[in-house]
Protein backbone atom coordinates (compact mmCIF):
# COMPACT_ATOMS: atom_id res chain seq x y z
CA UNK A 1 0.94 -18.82 8.89
CA UNK A 2 -0.82 -16.28 11.08
CA UNK A 3 -2.70 -13.70 9.00
CA UNK A 4 -4.05 -10.48 10.44
CA UNK A 5 -6.38 -8.59 8.08
CA UNK A 6 -7.06 -5.22 9.61
CA UNK A 7 -9.49 -2.89 7.76
CA UNK A 8 -8.34 0.27 9.54
CA UNK A 9 -6.59 0.35 12.90
CA UNK A 10 -5.36 3.47 14.64
CA UNK A 11 -2.63 2.76 17.19
CA UNK A 12 -1.36 4.82 20.07
CA UNK A 13 1.68 6.96 19.43
CA UNK A 14 4.96 5.06 19.68
CA UNK A 15 7.80 6.05 21.94
CA UNK A 16 10.91 7.56 20.37
CA UNK A 17 13.99 5.58 21.34
CA UNK A 18 16.82 7.79 20.12
CA UNK A 19 17.24 11.38 19.01
CA UNK A 20 20.92 11.66 18.02
CA UNK A 21 21.07 10.54 14.39
CA UNK A 22 24.15 10.51 12.19
CA UNK A 23 23.84 10.56 8.39
CA UNK A 24 26.64 9.19 6.18
CA UNK A 25 26.66 9.50 2.40
CA UNK A 26 27.59 6.17 0.84
CA UNK A 27 30.17 6.68 -1.90
CA UNK A 28 32.56 4.52 -3.90
CA UNK A 29 30.53 1.34 -3.50
CA UNK A 30 28.51 1.46 -6.71
CA UNK A 31 25.58 2.56 -4.56
CA UNK A 32 23.68 5.82 -4.24
CA UNK A 33 22.53 5.84 -0.65
CA UNK A 34 22.57 7.54 2.73
CA UNK A 35 23.19 5.56 5.91
CA UNK A 36 21.46 6.66 9.11
CA UNK A 37 22.55 5.50 12.54
CA UNK A 38 21.53 6.47 16.04
CA UNK A 39 23.94 7.04 18.90
CA UNK A 40 25.40 5.23 20.72
CA UNK A 41 26.77 3.06 17.88
CA UNK A 42 25.77 -0.34 19.24
CA UNK A 43 24.57 -3.27 17.10
CA UNK A 44 21.09 -2.44 15.88
CA UNK A 45 18.58 -3.94 13.48
CA UNK A 46 18.80 -2.29 10.07
CA UNK A 47 16.08 -1.37 7.56
CA UNK A 48 16.73 -0.75 3.86
CA UNK A 49 14.28 1.86 2.55
CA UNK A 50 13.32 1.78 -1.15
CA UNK A 51 11.12 4.30 -2.95
CA UNK A 52 8.70 4.07 -5.85
CA UNK A 53 8.39 5.23 -9.43
CA UNK A 54 9.23 8.87 -8.66
CA UNK A 55 12.90 7.92 -8.39
CA UNK A 56 15.52 9.82 -6.44
CA UNK A 57 16.03 9.48 -2.70
CA UNK A 58 13.84 12.11 -1.00
CA UNK A 59 11.25 9.82 0.57
CA UNK A 60 13.87 7.22 1.48
CA UNK A 61 15.83 9.86 3.40
CA UNK A 62 12.75 10.96 5.33
CA UNK A 63 11.72 7.44 6.24
CA UNK A 64 15.24 6.26 7.06
CA UNK A 65 15.74 9.19 9.41
CA UNK A 66 12.46 8.33 11.16
CA UNK A 67 13.62 4.75 11.63
CA UNK A 68 16.99 5.92 12.97
CA UNK A 69 15.30 8.23 15.48
CA UNK A 70 13.45 5.19 16.76
CA UNK A 71 16.46 3.00 17.42
CA UNK A 72 17.18 1.36 14.07
CA UNK A 73 20.01 1.72 11.61
CA UNK A 74 18.58 2.55 8.17
CA UNK A 75 19.83 2.76 4.61
CA UNK A 76 18.04 5.18 2.27
CA UNK A 77 18.71 3.60 -1.11
CA UNK A 78 18.14 5.21 -4.52
CA UNK A 79 18.06 3.02 -7.61
CA UNK A 80 17.22 5.28 -10.55
CA UNK A 81 16.82 8.94 -11.43
CA UNK A 82 20.09 10.16 -9.89
CA UNK A 83 23.65 10.61 -11.12
CA UNK A 84 25.41 7.27 -11.44
CA UNK A 85 22.14 5.34 -11.71
CA UNK A 86 19.78 4.40 -14.55
CA UNK A 87 17.66 7.31 -15.70
CA UNK A 88 14.45 5.27 -15.72
CA UNK A 89 12.86 2.37 -13.86
CA UNK A 90 13.56 -0.31 -16.44
CA UNK A 91 15.34 -3.67 -16.06
CA UNK A 92 16.85 -2.69 -12.71
CA UNK A 93 19.15 -5.53 -11.53
CA UNK A 94 18.28 -7.15 -8.21
CA UNK A 95 22.02 -7.55 -7.63
CA UNK A 96 22.22 -3.79 -6.97
CA UNK A 97 20.01 -4.18 -3.90
CA UNK A 98 21.80 -7.34 -2.79
CA UNK A 99 25.06 -5.41 -2.96
CA UNK A 100 23.57 -2.83 -0.61
CA UNK A 101 22.70 -5.56 1.91
CA UNK A 102 26.23 -6.94 1.65
CA UNK A 103 27.65 -3.44 2.22
CA UNK A 104 25.62 -3.14 5.42
CA UNK A 105 27.26 -6.27 6.79
CA UNK A 106 30.55 -4.40 7.05
CA UNK A 107 29.20 -1.41 8.95
CA UNK A 108 29.64 -0.89 12.69
CA UNK A 109 26.40 -0.66 14.61
CA UNK A 110 24.55 -3.10 12.31
CA UNK A 111 23.18 -6.45 13.43
CA UNK A 112 23.05 -8.39 10.17
CA UNK A 113 20.87 -11.08 11.72
CA UNK A 114 18.12 -8.46 11.90
CA UNK A 115 17.66 -6.98 8.40
CA UNK A 116 14.38 -5.51 7.21
CA UNK A 117 13.10 -3.96 3.99
CA UNK A 118 10.59 -1.14 3.60
CA UNK A 119 9.31 -0.10 0.19
CA UNK A 120 6.45 1.89 -1.30
CA UNK A 121 4.49 1.37 -4.53
CA UNK A 122 6.97 0.04 -7.13
CA UNK A 123 9.36 -0.17 -4.19
CA UNK A 124 6.71 -2.28 -2.45
CA UNK A 125 6.72 -4.61 -5.44
CA UNK A 126 10.50 -4.62 -5.27
CA UNK A 127 10.93 -5.38 -1.56
CA UNK A 128 8.65 -8.41 -1.79
CA UNK A 129 10.62 -9.61 -4.80
CA UNK A 130 14.02 -8.89 -3.27
CA UNK A 131 13.19 -10.64 0.01
CA UNK A 132 12.09 -13.69 -1.97
CA UNK A 133 15.55 -13.76 -3.60
CA UNK A 134 17.62 -12.96 -0.49
CA UNK A 135 17.24 -15.02 2.69
CA UNK A 136 19.23 -12.47 4.71
CA UNK A 137 16.03 -10.40 4.99
CA UNK A 138 13.85 -11.26 8.00
CA UNK A 139 11.05 -8.65 7.88
CA UNK A 140 9.38 -6.89 4.95
CA UNK A 141 7.00 -3.93 4.99
CA UNK A 142 5.40 -3.26 1.59
CA UNK A 143 3.29 -0.11 1.30
CA UNK A 144 0.62 -0.05 -1.44
CA UNK A 145 2.49 -2.87 -3.23
CA UNK A 146 2.00 -4.98 -6.31
CA UNK A 147 1.63 -8.74 -6.33
CA UNK A 148 3.37 -9.23 -9.68
CA UNK A 149 6.37 -8.02 -11.61
CA UNK A 150 4.97 -5.46 -14.04
CA UNK A 151 6.08 -3.90 -17.27
CA UNK A 152 8.55 -1.08 -16.73
CA UNK A 153 7.38 2.47 -16.13
CA UNK A 154 10.23 4.01 -18.14
CA UNK A 155 9.46 6.91 -20.45
CA UNK A 156 7.17 5.71 -23.21
CA UNK A 157 6.32 2.51 -21.34
CA UNK A 158 8.62 0.19 -23.31
CA UNK A 159 7.51 -3.43 -23.28
CA UNK A 160 10.29 -4.54 -20.97
CA UNK A 161 10.44 -5.76 -17.39
CA UNK A 162 10.91 -3.50 -14.41
CA UNK A 163 13.55 -5.86 -12.97
CA UNK A 164 16.24 -8.29 -14.04
CA UNK A 165 18.40 -10.89 -12.31
CA UNK A 166 21.65 -12.47 -13.48
CA UNK A 167 21.39 -10.59 -16.74
CA UNK A 168 17.90 -11.78 -17.62
CA UNK A 169 14.65 -9.85 -17.49
CA UNK A 170 12.16 -11.22 -14.99
CA UNK A 171 8.82 -12.30 -16.48
CA UNK A 172 6.25 -9.51 -16.22
CA UNK A 173 2.63 -8.56 -16.73
CA UNK A 174 2.41 -6.23 -19.75
CA UNK A 175 0.08 -3.26 -19.67
CA UNK A 176 -3.29 -3.73 -21.31
CA UNK A 177 -4.50 -0.44 -22.76
CA UNK A 178 -8.23 -0.48 -23.54
CA UNK A 179 -10.95 2.08 -24.18
CA UNK A 180 -11.30 2.33 -20.39
CA UNK A 181 -7.82 3.82 -19.99
CA UNK A 182 -7.83 6.89 -17.73
CA UNK A 183 -4.61 8.77 -16.90
CA UNK A 184 -6.32 10.11 -13.78
CA UNK A 185 -7.10 6.58 -12.57
CA UNK A 186 -4.39 4.17 -13.65
CA UNK A 187 -5.79 1.51 -11.33
CA UNK A 188 -8.29 0.70 -14.11
CA UNK A 189 -5.43 -0.19 -16.46
CA UNK A 190 -3.65 -2.25 -13.81
CA UNK A 191 -6.83 -4.09 -12.88
CA UNK A 192 -7.46 -4.96 -16.52
CA UNK A 193 -3.80 -5.90 -16.98
CA UNK A 194 -3.91 -8.50 -14.22
CA UNK A 195 -6.93 -9.94 -15.96
CA UNK A 196 -4.49 -11.36 -18.51
CA UNK A 197 -4.33 -14.77 -16.87
CA UNK A 198 -1.67 -16.17 -19.20
CA UNK A 199 1.00 -13.91 -17.70
CA UNK A 200 0.22 -14.23 -14.01
CA UNK A 201 1.88 -17.51 -13.05
CA UNK A 202 5.29 -16.49 -14.39
CA UNK A 203 5.07 -12.88 -13.19
CA UNK A 204 3.75 -13.58 -9.67
CA UNK A 205 6.22 -12.63 -6.95
CA UNK A 206 7.23 -15.85 -5.11
CA UNK A 207 6.47 -14.35 -1.71
CA UNK A 208 6.36 -17.79 -0.08
CA UNK A 209 10.18 -17.82 -0.28
CA UNK A 210 10.50 -14.82 2.05
CA UNK A 211 12.45 -15.73 5.18
CA UNK A 212 10.48 -13.66 7.68
CA UNK A 213 7.33 -11.74 8.54
CA UNK A 214 5.45 -9.55 6.06
CA UNK A 215 3.46 -6.36 6.56
CA UNK A 216 1.23 -5.19 3.69
CA UNK A 217 -0.45 -1.78 3.83
CA UNK A 218 -2.99 -0.82 1.17
CA UNK A 219 -5.56 1.81 0.26
CA UNK A 220 -9.03 0.72 -0.75
CA UNK A 221 -9.47 3.85 -2.89
CA UNK A 222 -6.04 3.63 -4.56
CA UNK A 223 -6.15 5.27 -8.02
CA UNK A 224 -2.60 4.33 -9.06
CA UNK A 225 -3.06 0.57 -8.92
CA UNK A 226 -5.37 -1.77 -6.94
CA UNK A 227 -3.08 -2.18 -3.94
CA UNK A 228 -5.75 -3.74 -1.73
CA UNK A 229 -6.68 -6.37 -4.31
CA UNK A 230 -3.03 -7.17 -4.97
CA UNK A 231 -2.23 -7.35 -1.26
CA UNK A 232 -5.15 -9.76 -0.89
CA UNK A 233 -3.66 -11.85 -3.69
CA UNK A 234 -0.31 -11.95 -1.88
CA UNK A 235 -2.03 -13.20 1.28
CA UNK A 236 -3.97 -15.86 -0.62
CA UNK A 237 -0.81 -17.10 -2.33
CA UNK A 238 0.96 -17.35 1.03
CA UNK A 239 -1.96 -19.34 2.42
CA UNK A 240 -1.89 -21.74 -0.54
CA UNK A 241 1.87 -22.21 -0.24
CA UNK A 242 1.80 -22.91 3.50
CA UNK A 243 3.84 -19.86 4.51
CA UNK A 244 5.04 -20.29 8.12
CA UNK A 245 5.79 -16.68 9.11
CA UNK A 246 3.33 -14.06 10.26
CA UNK A 247 1.55 -11.88 7.71
CA UNK A 248 -0.38 -8.68 8.37
CA UNK A 249 -2.48 -6.84 5.82
CA UNK A 250 -3.71 -3.46 6.98
CA UNK A 251 -6.14 -1.82 4.58
CA UNK A 252 -7.64 1.65 4.83
CA UNK A 253 -10.91 1.49 2.85
CA UNK A 254 -11.23 5.20 2.05
CA UNK A 255 -7.54 5.99 1.59
CA UNK A 256 -5.65 6.20 -1.67
CA UNK A 257 -2.14 5.43 -2.87
CA UNK A 258 -0.20 8.13 -1.02
CA UNK A 259 0.22 6.56 2.41
CA UNK A 260 3.98 6.78 2.85
CA UNK A 261 4.28 10.40 4.01
CA UNK A 262 2.08 12.45 6.31
CA UNK A 263 0.41 15.22 4.31
CA UNK A 264 1.18 13.73 0.88
CA UNK A 265 -1.18 14.25 -2.08
CA UNK A 266 -3.40 17.01 -0.63
CA UNK A 267 -5.25 17.22 -3.97
CA UNK A 268 -6.28 13.55 -3.63
CA UNK A 269 -5.04 12.88 -7.17
CA UNK A 270 -3.98 9.39 -6.09
CA UNK A 271 -7.31 8.53 -4.50
CA UNK A 272 -9.03 8.64 -1.14
CA UNK A 273 -10.64 11.38 0.92
CA UNK A 274 -8.58 14.06 2.63
CA UNK A 275 -9.53 12.91 6.12
CA UNK A 276 -9.02 9.20 5.42
CA UNK A 277 -5.66 9.83 3.75
CA UNK A 278 -4.32 11.90 6.61
CA UNK A 279 -5.41 9.40 9.25
CA UNK A 280 -3.98 6.51 7.24
CA UNK A 281 -0.69 8.32 6.63
CA UNK A 282 -0.21 8.94 10.34
CA UNK A 283 -1.23 5.42 11.25
CA UNK A 284 1.07 3.93 8.61
CA UNK A 285 4.06 5.45 10.39
CA UNK A 286 2.96 3.94 13.69
CA UNK A 287 2.29 0.58 12.08
CA UNK A 288 5.75 0.51 10.51
CA UNK A 289 7.49 1.16 13.80
CA UNK A 290 5.32 -1.37 15.63
CA UNK A 291 5.98 -4.03 12.99
CA UNK A 292 9.74 -3.62 12.83
CA UNK A 293 10.15 -3.36 16.61
CA UNK A 294 8.15 -6.58 17.04
CA UNK A 295 9.87 -8.48 14.22
CA UNK A 296 13.44 -7.19 14.49
CA UNK A 297 13.58 -6.08 18.09
CA UNK A 298 14.99 -2.91 19.66
């Protein structure tokens, strides 16, 4: 396994490959998604884009369109918080995401030997988990991700898993609420929660089963959860397990949780300084394109 730990790297701007992008609403497949393709419609690598605990599809659409403008096919996939989907992020079946990958196999202009996943926050937790369960995935980019399956973030924080597979909840780390709890800095709760050693072995994402390269991007000043620490734990697990694919962990020491969109979180509610966040947000986009072009090809 080749590991690249990069504290903060600013790359040169990447070249745009394609400008003509076609958006297709996916209907009648049990999915809520939008499919983005660039013209001409030749076989291209495809990236499935999965958002975090805000639900909906807004960020996925933005990111999928960016990928499509740069020569990829991309599927913006919602999984809760929209009509026809669960209302909350609770016990979401992994089969839903596998069905989306299967649907892509039947689309013109998709090279199914070159499938990638891109997820942010809870979606970062999910893409690592999904890739471990589905060998069709060959490249995974997880932005400010978790290293474990956590308790659901549904309304009221029910003591249930975020995910399920084959009708059974996946083991999870429950939230530990102590006197240190701070709604303005949930990373304290998450850090204390992963101190519950008895849950970690069962809840750890088996990232060593992923059939391809991994990119982890974290913020050292993340106030939602300790994404740098958890990304470090992912890397250490891969080292212990003898992972044979390349792994990159890019960490921005003074940036927070909101790295997925340029200009996000101007109030710095989710951590980081304004300058560090903006630089990291811009660089994250360049890093994503560089990673997927290198791992999946043009």
